[in-house]
Full PDB file with SEQRES, HELIX, SHEET, SSBOND, CRYST1, ORIGX, SCALE, CONECT and MASTER records, all heavy atoms in Angstrom:
SEQRES   1 A   36  ALA LEU SER PHE LEU LEU ARG THR VAL GLY LEU ASP VAL          
SEQRES   2 A   36  GLN PRO HIS ALA ASP GLY ALA ALA PHE LEU GLU ALA LEU          
SEQRES   3 A   36  PRO GLY LEU ARG PRO GLY CYS ILE VAL THR                      
HELIX    1 AA1 LEU A    2  THR A    8  1                                   7    
HELIX    2 AA2 GLY A   19  ALA A   25  1                                   7    
HELIX    3 AA3 LEU A   26  GLY A   28  5                                   3    
CRYST1    1.000    1.000    1.000  90.00  90.00  90.00 P 1           1          
ORIGX1      1.000000  0.000000  0.000000        0.00000                         
ORIGX2      0.000000  1.000000  0.000000        0.00000                         
ORIGX3      0.000000  0.000000  1.000000        0.00000                         
SCALE1      1.000000  0.000000  0.000000        0.00000                         
SCALE2      0.000000  1.000000  0.000000        0.00000                         
SCALE3      0.000000  0.000000  1.000000        0.00000                         
ATOM      1  N   ALA A   1       0.826  -1.203   0.000  1.00  0.00           N  
ATOM      2  CA  ALA A   1       0.000   0.000   0.000  1.00  0.00           C  
ATOM      3  C   ALA A   1       0.861   1.255   0.000  1.00  0.00           C  
ATOM      4  O   ALA A   1       0.577   2.211  -0.733  1.00  0.00           O  
ATOM      5  CB  ALA A   1      -0.937  -0.006   1.212  1.00  0.00           C  
ATOM      6  N   LEU A   2       1.901   1.252   0.801  1.00  0.00           N  
ATOM      7  CA  LEU A   2       2.800   2.401   0.850  1.00  0.00           C  
ATOM      8  C   LEU A   2       3.506   2.587  -0.489  1.00  0.00           C  
ATOM      9  O   LEU A   2       3.612   3.709  -0.992  1.00  0.00           O  
ATOM     10  CB  LEU A   2       3.823   2.238   1.972  1.00  0.00           C  
ATOM     11  CG  LEU A   2       4.851   3.355   2.100  1.00  0.00           C  
ATOM     12  CD1 LEU A   2       4.170   4.664   2.464  1.00  0.00           C  
ATOM     13  CD2 LEU A   2       5.900   2.991   3.128  1.00  0.00           C  
ATOM     14  N   SER A   3       3.974   1.497  -1.070  1.00  0.00           N  
ATOM     15  CA  SER A   3       4.647   1.573  -2.370  1.00  0.00           C  
ATOM     16  C   SER A   3       3.705   2.154  -3.421  1.00  0.00           C  
ATOM     17  O   SER A   3       4.100   3.038  -4.198  1.00  0.00           O  
ATOM     18  CB  SER A   3       5.116   0.187  -2.815  1.00  0.00           C  
ATOM     19  OG  SER A   3       6.097  -0.307  -1.949  1.00  0.00           O  
ATOM     20  N   PHE A   4       2.480   1.669  -3.454  1.00  0.00           N  
ATOM     21  CA  PHE A   4       1.497   2.173  -4.408  1.00  0.00           C  
ATOM     22  C   PHE A   4       1.264   3.666  -4.205  1.00  0.00           C  
ATOM     23  O   PHE A   4       1.263   4.449  -5.156  1.00  0.00           O  
ATOM     24  CB  PHE A   4       0.176   1.406  -4.270  1.00  0.00           C  
ATOM     25  CG  PHE A   4      -0.902   1.941  -5.158  1.00  0.00           C  
ATOM     26  CD1 PHE A   4      -0.931   1.632  -6.505  1.00  0.00           C  
ATOM     27  CD2 PHE A   4      -1.883   2.775  -4.637  1.00  0.00           C  
ATOM     28  CE1 PHE A   4      -1.926   2.145  -7.330  1.00  0.00           C  
ATOM     29  CE2 PHE A   4      -2.882   3.296  -5.453  1.00  0.00           C  
ATOM     30  CZ  PHE A   4      -2.907   2.974  -6.799  1.00  0.00           C  
ATOM     31  N   LEU A   5       1.075   4.064  -2.960  1.00  0.00           N  
ATOM     32  CA  LEU A   5       0.813   5.466  -2.641  1.00  0.00           C  
ATOM     33  C   LEU A   5       1.961   6.363  -3.109  1.00  0.00           C  
ATOM     34  O   LEU A   5       1.741   7.400  -3.735  1.00  0.00           O  
ATOM     35  CB  LEU A   5       0.603   5.612  -1.134  1.00  0.00           C  
ATOM     36  CG  LEU A   5       0.320   7.008  -0.608  1.00  0.00           C  
ATOM     37  CD1 LEU A   5      -0.993   7.531  -1.166  1.00  0.00           C  
ATOM     38  CD2 LEU A   5       0.280   6.991   0.905  1.00  0.00           C  
ATOM     39  N   LEU A   6       3.175   5.965  -2.848  1.00  0.00           N  
ATOM     40  CA  LEU A   6       4.333   6.774  -3.239  1.00  0.00           C  
ATOM     41  C   LEU A   6       4.518   6.807  -4.752  1.00  0.00           C  
ATOM     42  O   LEU A   6       4.905   7.828  -5.317  1.00  0.00           O  
ATOM     43  CB  LEU A   6       5.588   6.260  -2.542  1.00  0.00           C  
ATOM     44  CG  LEU A   6       5.601   6.429  -1.025  1.00  0.00           C  
ATOM     45  CD1 LEU A   6       6.809   5.740  -0.415  1.00  0.00           C  
ATOM     46  CD2 LEU A   6       5.555   7.904  -0.633  1.00  0.00           C  
ATOM     47  N   ARG A   7       4.219   5.709  -5.402  1.00  0.00           N  
ATOM     48  CA  ARG A   7       4.334   5.678  -6.868  1.00  0.00           C  
ATOM     49  C   ARG A   7       3.292   6.576  -7.537  1.00  0.00           C  
ATOM     50  O   ARG A   7       3.546   7.130  -8.602  1.00  0.00           O  
ATOM     51  CB  ARG A   7       4.201   4.251  -7.382  1.00  0.00           C  
ATOM     52  CG  ARG A   7       5.441   3.431  -7.138  1.00  0.00           C  
ATOM     53  CD  ARG A   7       5.336   2.043  -7.762  1.00  0.00           C  
ATOM     54  NE  ARG A   7       6.572   1.311  -7.572  1.00  0.00           N  
ATOM     55  CZ  ARG A   7       6.688   0.200  -6.852  1.00  0.00           C  
ATOM     56  NH1 ARG A   7       5.620  -0.333  -6.281  1.00  0.00           N  
ATOM     57  NH2 ARG A   7       7.857  -0.379  -6.710  1.00  0.00           N  
ATOM     58  N   THR A   8       2.109   6.733  -6.904  1.00  0.00           N  
ATOM     59  CA  THR A   8       1.063   7.570  -7.501  1.00  0.00           C  
ATOM     60  C   THR A   8       1.478   9.026  -7.580  1.00  0.00           C  
ATOM     61  O   THR A   8       0.924   9.778  -8.376  1.00  0.00           O  
ATOM     62  CB  THR A   8      -0.279   7.470  -6.736  1.00  0.00           C  
ATOM     63  OG1 THR A   8      -0.107   7.955  -5.410  1.00  0.00           O  
ATOM     64  CG2 THR A   8      -0.820   6.061  -6.751  1.00  0.00           C  
ATOM     65  N   VAL A   9       2.442   9.432  -6.769  1.00  0.00           N  
ATOM     66  CA  VAL A   9       2.930  10.810  -6.831  1.00  0.00           C  
ATOM     67  C   VAL A   9       4.268  10.895  -7.548  1.00  0.00           C  
ATOM     68  O   VAL A   9       4.978  11.888  -7.469  1.00  0.00           O  
ATOM     69  CB  VAL A   9       3.010  11.461  -5.431  1.00  0.00           C  
ATOM     70  CG1 VAL A   9       1.620  11.604  -4.829  1.00  0.00           C  
ATOM     71  CG2 VAL A   9       3.941  10.712  -4.514  1.00  0.00           C  
ATOM     72  N   GLY A  10       4.624   9.805  -8.263  1.00  0.00           N  
ATOM     73  CA  GLY A  10       5.800   9.838  -9.117  1.00  0.00           C  
ATOM     74  C   GLY A  10       7.127   9.483  -8.483  1.00  0.00           C  
ATOM     75  O   GLY A  10       8.178   9.700  -9.085  1.00  0.00           O  
ATOM     76  N   LEU A  11       7.104   8.915  -7.287  1.00  0.00           N  
ATOM     77  CA  LEU A  11       8.362   8.555  -6.637  1.00  0.00           C  
ATOM     78  C   LEU A  11       8.800   7.153  -7.053  1.00  0.00           C  
ATOM     79  O   LEU A  11       7.981   6.272  -7.276  1.00  0.00           O  
ATOM     80  CB  LEU A  11       8.207   8.626  -5.115  1.00  0.00           C  
ATOM     81  CG  LEU A  11       7.922  10.016  -4.556  1.00  0.00           C  
ATOM     82  CD1 LEU A  11       7.693   9.935  -3.057  1.00  0.00           C  
ATOM     83  CD2 LEU A  11       9.054  10.977  -4.863  1.00  0.00           C  
ATOM     84  N   ASP A  12      10.098   6.964  -7.157  1.00  0.00           N  
ATOM     85  CA  ASP A  12      10.669   5.657  -7.451  1.00  0.00           C  
ATOM     86  C   ASP A  12      10.757   4.897  -6.137  1.00  0.00           C  
ATOM     87  O   ASP A  12      11.376   5.365  -5.179  1.00  0.00           O  
ATOM     88  CB  ASP A  12      12.062   5.827  -8.056  1.00  0.00           C  
ATOM     89  CG  ASP A  12      12.729   4.506  -8.380  1.00  0.00           C  
ATOM     90  OD1 ASP A  12      12.021   3.511  -8.614  1.00  0.00           O  
ATOM     91  OD2 ASP A  12      13.974   4.470  -8.389  1.00  0.00           O  
ATOM     92  N   VAL A  13      10.128   3.743  -6.072  1.00  0.00           N  
ATOM     93  CA  VAL A  13      10.055   2.968  -4.841  1.00  0.00           C  
ATOM     94  C   VAL A  13      10.690   1.604  -5.065  1.00  0.00           C  
ATOM     95  O   VAL A  13      10.414   0.946  -6.059  1.00  0.00           O  
ATOM     96  CB  VAL A  13       8.577   2.793  -4.397  1.00  0.00           C  
ATOM     97  CG1 VAL A  13       8.485   1.955  -3.145  1.00  0.00           C  
ATOM     98  CG2 VAL A  13       7.914   4.143  -4.219  1.00  0.00           C  
ATOM     99  N   GLN A  14      11.533   1.220  -4.136  1.00  0.00           N  
ATOM    100  CA  GLN A  14      12.176  -0.089  -4.200  1.00  0.00           C  
ATOM    101  C   GLN A  14      11.959  -0.797  -2.867  1.00  0.00           C  
ATOM    102  O   GLN A  14      12.783  -0.697  -1.964  1.00  0.00           O  
ATOM    103  CB  GLN A  14      13.658   0.069  -4.506  1.00  0.00           C  
ATOM    104  CG  GLN A  14      13.887   0.727  -5.844  1.00  0.00           C  
ATOM    105  CD  GLN A  14      15.348   0.985  -6.128  1.00  0.00           C  
ATOM    106  OE1 GLN A  14      16.223   0.614  -5.367  1.00  0.00           O  
ATOM    107  NE2 GLN A  14      15.603   1.632  -7.241  1.00  0.00           N  
ATOM    108  N   PRO A  15      10.824  -1.492  -2.737  1.00  0.00           N  
ATOM    109  CA  PRO A  15      10.503  -2.140  -1.452  1.00  0.00           C  
ATOM    110  C   PRO A  15      11.379  -3.366  -1.183  1.00  0.00           C  
ATOM    111  O   PRO A  15      11.846  -4.027  -2.109  1.00  0.00           O  
ATOM    112  CB  PRO A  15       9.042  -2.541  -1.612  1.00  0.00           C  
ATOM    113  CG  PRO A  15       8.799  -2.593  -3.069  1.00  0.00           C  
ATOM    114  CD  PRO A  15       9.770  -1.654  -3.714  1.00  0.00           C  
ATOM    115  N   HIS A  16      11.583  -3.610   0.092  1.00  0.00           N  
ATOM    116  CA  HIS A  16      12.350  -4.771   0.553  1.00  0.00           C  
ATOM    117  C   HIS A  16      11.581  -5.438   1.682  1.00  0.00           C  
ATOM    118  O   HIS A  16      10.842  -4.783   2.410  1.00  0.00           O  
ATOM    119  CB  HIS A  16      13.738  -4.337   1.015  1.00  0.00           C  
ATOM    120  CG  HIS A  16      14.524  -3.710  -0.091  1.00  0.00           C  
ATOM    121  ND1 HIS A  16      15.238  -4.437  -1.001  1.00  0.00           N  
ATOM    122  CD2 HIS A  16      14.670  -2.424  -0.458  1.00  0.00           C  
ATOM    123  CE1 HIS A  16      15.810  -3.628  -1.880  1.00  0.00           C  
ATOM    124  NE2 HIS A  16      15.469  -2.394  -1.578  1.00  0.00           N  
ATOM    125  N   ALA A  17      11.784  -6.730   1.851  1.00  0.00           N  
ATOM    126  CA  ALA A  17      11.026  -7.515   2.819  1.00  0.00           C  
ATOM    127  C   ALA A  17      11.301  -7.111   4.261  1.00  0.00           C  
ATOM    128  O   ALA A  17      10.434  -7.195   5.114  1.00  0.00           O  
ATOM    129  CB  ALA A  17      11.312  -9.005   2.633  1.00  0.00           C  
ATOM    130  N   ASP A  18      12.528  -6.683   4.541  1.00  0.00           N  
ATOM    131  CA  ASP A  18      12.886  -6.308   5.908  1.00  0.00           C  
ATOM    132  C   ASP A  18      14.188  -5.515   5.878  1.00  0.00           C  
ATOM    133  O   ASP A  18      14.762  -5.272   4.815  1.00  0.00           O  
ATOM    134  CB  ASP A  18      13.011  -7.549   6.806  1.00  0.00           C  
ATOM    135  CG  ASP A  18      13.982  -8.573   6.277  1.00  0.00           C  
ATOM    136  OD1 ASP A  18      15.083  -8.198   5.825  1.00  0.00           O  
ATOM    137  OD2 ASP A  18      13.656  -9.770   6.313  1.00  0.00           O  
ATOM    138  N   GLY A  19      14.643  -5.113   7.046  1.00  0.00           N  
ATOM    139  CA  GLY A  19      15.849  -4.300   7.139  1.00  0.00           C  
ATOM    140  C   GLY A  19      17.087  -5.006   6.626  1.00  0.00           C  
ATOM    141  O   GLY A  19      17.955  -4.387   6.000  1.00  0.00           O  
ATOM    142  N   ALA A  20      17.181  -6.300   6.862  1.00  0.00           N  
ATOM    143  CA  ALA A  20      18.349  -7.048   6.389  1.00  0.00           C  
ATOM    144  C   ALA A  20      18.387  -7.078   4.865  1.00  0.00           C  
ATOM    145  O   ALA A  20      19.449  -6.888   4.261  1.00  0.00           O  
ATOM    146  CB  ALA A  20      18.339  -8.460   6.968  1.00  0.00           C  
ATOM    147  N   ALA A  21      17.245  -7.291   4.235  1.00  0.00           N  
ATOM    148  CA  ALA A  21      17.186  -7.305   2.772  1.00  0.00           C  
ATOM    149  C   ALA A  21      17.555  -5.938   2.207  1.00  0.00           C  
ATOM    150  O   ALA A  21      18.252  -5.843   1.193  1.00  0.00           O  
ATOM    151  CB  ALA A  21      15.791  -7.721   2.302  1.00  0.00           C  
ATOM    152  N   PHE A  22      17.102  -4.875   2.864  1.00  0.00           N  
ATOM    153  CA  PHE A  22      17.456  -3.535   2.405  1.00  0.00           C  
ATOM    154  C   PHE A  22      18.961  -3.300   2.514  1.00  0.00           C  
ATOM    155  O   PHE A  22      19.589  -2.803   1.580  1.00  0.00           O  
ATOM    156  CB  PHE A  22      16.699  -2.462   3.190  1.00  0.00           C  
ATOM    157  CG  PHE A  22      17.120  -1.076   2.800  1.00  0.00           C  
ATOM    158  CD1 PHE A  22      16.714  -0.544   1.591  1.00  0.00           C  
ATOM    159  CD2 PHE A  22      17.948  -0.326   3.611  1.00  0.00           C  
ATOM    160  CE1 PHE A  22      17.123   0.727   1.202  1.00  0.00           C  
ATOM    161  CE2 PHE A  22      18.362   0.934   3.239  1.00  0.00           C  
ATOM    162  CZ  PHE A  22      17.942   1.465   2.025  1.00  0.00           C  
ATOM    163  N   LEU A  23      19.538  -3.661   3.637  1.00  0.00           N  
ATOM    164  CA  LEU A  23      20.980  -3.459   3.809  1.00  0.00           C  
ATOM    165  C   LEU A  23      21.786  -4.273   2.804  1.00  0.00           C  
ATOM    166  O   LEU A  23      22.836  -3.816   2.343  1.00  0.00           O  
ATOM    167  CB  LEU A  23      21.408  -3.786   5.230  1.00  0.00           C  
ATOM    168  CG  LEU A  23      21.010  -2.738   6.267  1.00  0.00           C  
ATOM    169  CD1 LEU A  23      21.351  -3.226   7.665  1.00  0.00           C  
ATOM    170  CD2 LEU A  23      21.682  -1.410   6.000  1.00  0.00           C  
ATOM    171  N   GLU A  24      21.300  -5.450   2.443  1.00  0.00           N  
ATOM    172  CA  GLU A  24      21.976  -6.254   1.422  1.00  0.00           C  
ATOM    173  C   GLU A  24      21.930  -5.568   0.063  1.00  0.00           C  
ATOM    174  O   GLU A  24      22.874  -5.659  -0.714  1.00  0.00           O  
ATOM    175  CB  GLU A  24      21.338  -7.640   1.339  1.00  0.00           C  
ATOM    176  CG  GLU A  24      21.601  -8.497   2.563  1.00  0.00           C  
ATOM    177  CD  GLU A  24      20.702  -9.724   2.655  1.00  0.00           C  
ATOM    178  OE1 GLU A  24      19.926  -9.998   1.706  1.00  0.00           O  
ATOM    179  OE2 GLU A  24      20.760 -10.406   3.692  1.00  0.00           O  
ATOM    180  N   ALA A  25      20.841  -4.874  -0.235  1.00  0.00           N  
ATOM    181  CA  ALA A  25      20.682  -4.196  -1.521  1.00  0.00           C  
ATOM    182  C   ALA A  25      21.304  -2.804  -1.537  1.00  0.00           C  
ATOM    183  O   ALA A  25      21.581  -2.254  -2.608  1.00  0.00           O  
ATOM    184  CB  ALA A  25      19.193  -4.080  -1.865  1.00  0.00           C  
ATOM    185  N   LEU A  26      21.547  -2.225  -0.387  1.00  0.00           N  
ATOM    186  CA  LEU A  26      21.976  -0.832  -0.280  1.00  0.00           C  
ATOM    187  C   LEU A  26      23.246  -0.480  -1.053  1.00  0.00           C  
ATOM    188  O   LEU A  26      23.315   0.615  -1.616  1.00  0.00           O  
ATOM    189  CB  LEU A  26      22.118  -0.435   1.195  1.00  0.00           C  
ATOM    190  CG  LEU A  26      22.350   1.044   1.475  1.00  0.00           C  
ATOM    191  CD1 LEU A  26      21.250   1.902   0.862  1.00  0.00           C  
ATOM    192  CD2 LEU A  26      22.426   1.281   2.977  1.00  0.00           C  
ATOM    193  N   PRO A  27      24.246  -1.333  -1.161  1.00  0.00           N  
ATOM    194  CA  PRO A  27      25.433  -0.930  -1.922  1.00  0.00           C  
ATOM    195  C   PRO A  27      25.135  -0.499  -3.361  1.00  0.00           C  
ATOM    196  O   PRO A  27      25.834   0.348  -3.908  1.00  0.00           O  
ATOM    197  CB  PRO A  27      26.328  -2.170  -1.886  1.00  0.00           C  
ATOM    198  CG  PRO A  27      25.946  -2.840  -0.613  1.00  0.00           C  
ATOM    199  CD  PRO A  27      24.459  -2.628  -0.502  1.00  0.00           C  
ATOM    200  N   GLY A  28      24.091  -1.022  -3.954  1.00  0.00           N  
ATOM    201  CA  GLY A  28      23.732  -0.648  -5.319  1.00  0.00           C  
ATOM    202  C   GLY A  28      22.700   0.460  -5.414  1.00  0.00           C  
ATOM    203  O   GLY A  28      22.260   0.806  -6.509  1.00  0.00           O  
ATOM    204  N   LEU A  29      22.331   1.041  -4.293  1.00  0.00           N  
ATOM    205  CA  LEU A  29      21.290   2.065  -4.261  1.00  0.00           C  
ATOM    206  C   LEU A  29      21.838   3.413  -3.810  1.00  0.00           C  
ATOM    207  O   LEU A  29      22.803   3.491  -3.065  1.00  0.00           O  
ATOM    208  CB  LEU A  29      20.180   1.657  -3.280  1.00  0.00           C  
ATOM    209  CG  LEU A  29      19.472   0.331  -3.530  1.00  0.00           C  
ATOM    210  CD1 LEU A  29      18.500   0.048  -2.390  1.00  0.00           C  
ATOM    211  CD2 LEU A  29      18.738   0.364  -4.854  1.00  0.00           C  
ATOM    212  N   ARG A  30      21.181   4.473  -4.245  1.00  0.00           N  
ATOM    213  CA  ARG A  30      21.426   5.827  -3.748  1.00  0.00           C  
ATOM    214  C   ARG A  30      20.074   6.406  -3.355  1.00  0.00           C  
ATOM    215  O   ARG A  30      19.487   7.211  -4.071  1.00  0.00           O  
ATOM    216  CB  ARG A  30      22.079   6.703  -4.818  1.00  0.00           C  
ATOM    217  CG  ARG A  30      23.513   6.400  -5.059  1.00  0.00           C  
ATOM    218  CD  ARG A  30      24.342   6.895  -3.883  1.00  0.00           C  
ATOM    219  NE  ARG A  30      25.725   6.488  -4.038  1.00  0.00           N  
ATOM    220  CZ  ARG A  30      26.536   6.329  -3.013  1.00  0.00           C  
ATOM    221  NH1 ARG A  30      26.105   6.527  -1.785  1.00  0.00           N  
ATOM    222  NH2 ARG A  30      27.765   5.972  -3.192  1.00  0.00           N  
ATOM    223  N   PRO A  31      19.545   5.978  -2.202  1.00  0.00           N  
ATOM    224  CA  PRO A  31      18.191   6.416  -1.832  1.00  0.00           C  
ATOM    225  C   PRO A  31      18.121   7.899  -1.504  1.00  0.00           C  
ATOM    226  O   PRO A  31      19.028   8.450  -0.880  1.00  0.00           O  
ATOM    227  CB  PRO A  31      17.879   5.574  -0.595  1.00  0.00           C  
ATOM    228  CG  PRO A  31      19.214   5.236  -0.023  1.00  0.00           C  
ATOM    229  CD  PRO A  31      20.150   5.134  -1.188  1.00  0.00           C  
ATOM    230  N   GLY A  32      17.035   8.522  -1.953  1.00  0.00           N  
ATOM    231  CA  GLY A  32      16.793   9.913  -1.585  1.00  0.00           C  
ATOM    232  C   GLY A  32      16.132   9.992  -0.227  1.00  0.00           C  
ATOM    233  O   GLY A  32      16.217  11.003   0.460  1.00  0.00           O  
ATOM    234  N   CYS A  33      15.478   8.914   0.154  1.00  0.00           N  
ATOM    235  CA  CYS A  33      14.790   8.818   1.437  1.00  0.00           C  
ATOM    236  C   CYS A  33      14.504   7.344   1.702  1.00  0.00           C  
ATOM    237  O   CYS A  33      14.298   6.573   0.774  1.00  0.00           O  
ATOM    238  CB  CYS A  33      13.486   9.603   1.384  1.00  0.00           C  
ATOM    239  SG  CYS A  33      12.499   9.499   2.885  1.00  0.00           S  
ATOM    240  N   ILE A  34      14.507   6.979   2.964  1.00  0.00           N  
ATOM    241  CA  ILE A  34      14.191   5.616   3.368  1.00  0.00           C  
ATOM    242  C   ILE A  34      12.979   5.680   4.285  1.00  0.00           C  
ATOM    243  O   ILE A  34      12.972   6.459   5.247  1.00  0.00           O  
ATOM    244  CB  ILE A  34      15.380   4.971   4.109  1.00  0.00           C  
ATOM    245  CG1 ILE A  34      16.607   4.910   3.189  1.00  0.00           C  
ATOM    246  CG2 ILE A  34      15.004   3.593   4.635  1.00  0.00           C  
ATOM    247  CD1 ILE A  34      17.905   4.607   3.920  1.00  0.00           C  
ATOM    248  N   VAL A  35      11.957   4.888   3.989  1.00  0.00           N  
ATOM    249  CA  VAL A  35      10.788   4.775   4.849  1.00  0.00           C  
ATOM    250  C   VAL A  35      10.795   3.338   5.368  1.00  0.00           C  
ATOM    251  O   VAL A  35      10.806   2.394   4.582  1.00  0.00           O  
ATOM    252  CB  VAL A  35       9.485   5.069   4.088  1.00  0.00           C  
ATOM    253  CG1 VAL A  35       8.288   4.929   5.023  1.00  0.00           C  
ATOM    254  CG2 VAL A  35       9.524   6.465   3.472  1.00  0.00           C  
ATOM    255  N   THR A  36      10.824   3.188   6.684  1.00  0.00           N  
ATOM    256  CA  THR A  36      10.944   1.854   7.261  1.00  0.00           C  
ATOM    257  C   THR A  36       9.967   1.635   8.396  1.00  0.00           C  
ATOM    258  O   THR A  36       9.672   2.547   9.164  1.00  0.00           O  
ATOM    259  CB  THR A  36      12.385   1.610   7.768  1.00  0.00           C  
ATOM    260  OG1 THR A  36      12.498   0.273   8.247  1.00  0.00           O  
ATOM    261  CG2 THR A  36      12.781   2.571   8.864  1.00  0.00           C  
TER     262      THR A  36                                                      
MASTER        0    0    0    3    0    0    0    6  261    1    0    3          
END                                                                             
């Protein structure tokens, strides 16, 4: 629901299952903001 909401206003969203999954993906990301 959060991903859908953010995408409706044009934001690029890359959801992850949990904090560990996000940290594993983080080296390849340059997030403008993190919502957790």
